[in-house]
Amino acid sequence: MSRIGIYPGSFDPITNGHLDIINRASKLFDEVIILVAQNKSKVSRFSVNERVEMIKEAIKGYKNVKVDSYEGITVEYAKAKGAIALIRGIRVVSDFEYEWQLAAANEYIDRDIEMVFLMSHRANTFISSSTIDELYFSGVDITPLVPKIVLDFYKKKNK
């Protein structure tokens, strides 16, 4: 039986902070599934398919990491995949409160799926998808903060 971890999120777009969490999770689990959220109540810069494509390109070097998308309750997806844990990254203290509430809701649904929290490395604490968006559209060079594929997608969107 392999240990499967699910790393859910919007990844709109994927950042080097996300890749740091993916790298570390790939060492803890036999298989990591990056789960792109399909949240219709949230306005996204990139479509689900675009986000999946960006992530696939960004994780090419990982043999035990794959990407999928899902619309619904993440815990239900995790159960269907036989996952033992949901992986979450925490950048700053304010993330903890949100993640704590989410963990409690997930535990209510299924006590058997653990929540694994990985702290961001200090250099990544300010990186969020919305910050990347704001920096890019303000003309700031985001090259050190995102995989190259993300820049390509931003450039395509702006044509």
Foldseek 3Di string as FASTA:
>chain_A
DWAEEEEEDQCLPPKVQNVVQVVVVVVVTQAYEYEHEDDPVDDGPDDPVLRQVQVCVVCVPRPRYHYDYDYDDVLVVCVVVVHQEYEEEDQDPVVVVVVVVVQVVSCVVPVRRYYHYDYGDNVCSVDDSVVLVVCVVVVHDCPVIHPPSVVVVVVVSVD
